[in-house]
Structures are given as C-alpha cells and as structure tokens.
Amino acid sequence: MYLVRASFNYVPRKLRKPMAADLTLIHRAAAVAKAEEHLEALARKWAPYPYVSQIWAAELEAHQAVLQLFAANPQGDLHNQ
C-alpha cells in the first residue's frame, strides 16, 4: 500500500483514481510474470510519469531477489547463508 501512495506523489490529483486501478493490477498479480506484464502496460500508458513505473520495477526486482533466495534454499533456513 505504501508504494501506491508513494506513486501518487508523481501524478496530478485528478489522475490518481485511474492510476490506482492500473497499479492494483500489478499489486494483485498472482505471478511475477503477470506483474511484469502489467508493469510494462503501465509504463506505456503512463509514459508522461516515468518515475511511477521505475519505482514499481525496482520493487518488483527486489521481490524477485528474495524469492530466488528462498528457491535456492528449499528448507527456508537462512541462518547459515
């Protein structure tokens, strides 16, 4: 939710509701591939506000790094890493 609110700092108030609908698609995506797909669509649609898609891309990348870390260790034990 904090990322949605942070995104609103970069768009005019009258465009926040339509942007929220597009951001929700990314936020609620069931798979990383689907989230990336929605992110690309967001970047194209909201091209005049590139920082929004950039911060969402950075967040998605950070989540992927965490998921890869857990995938590398199926036991979920991070103590020895």
Foldseek 3Di string as FASTA:
>chain_A
DVLLVVLVVQDDPVCSVVLVVLVVQLVPDPDLVSNVVSLVVSCVVPVVRNVSSVVVVVVSVVVVVVVVVCVVPVVNDPPVD
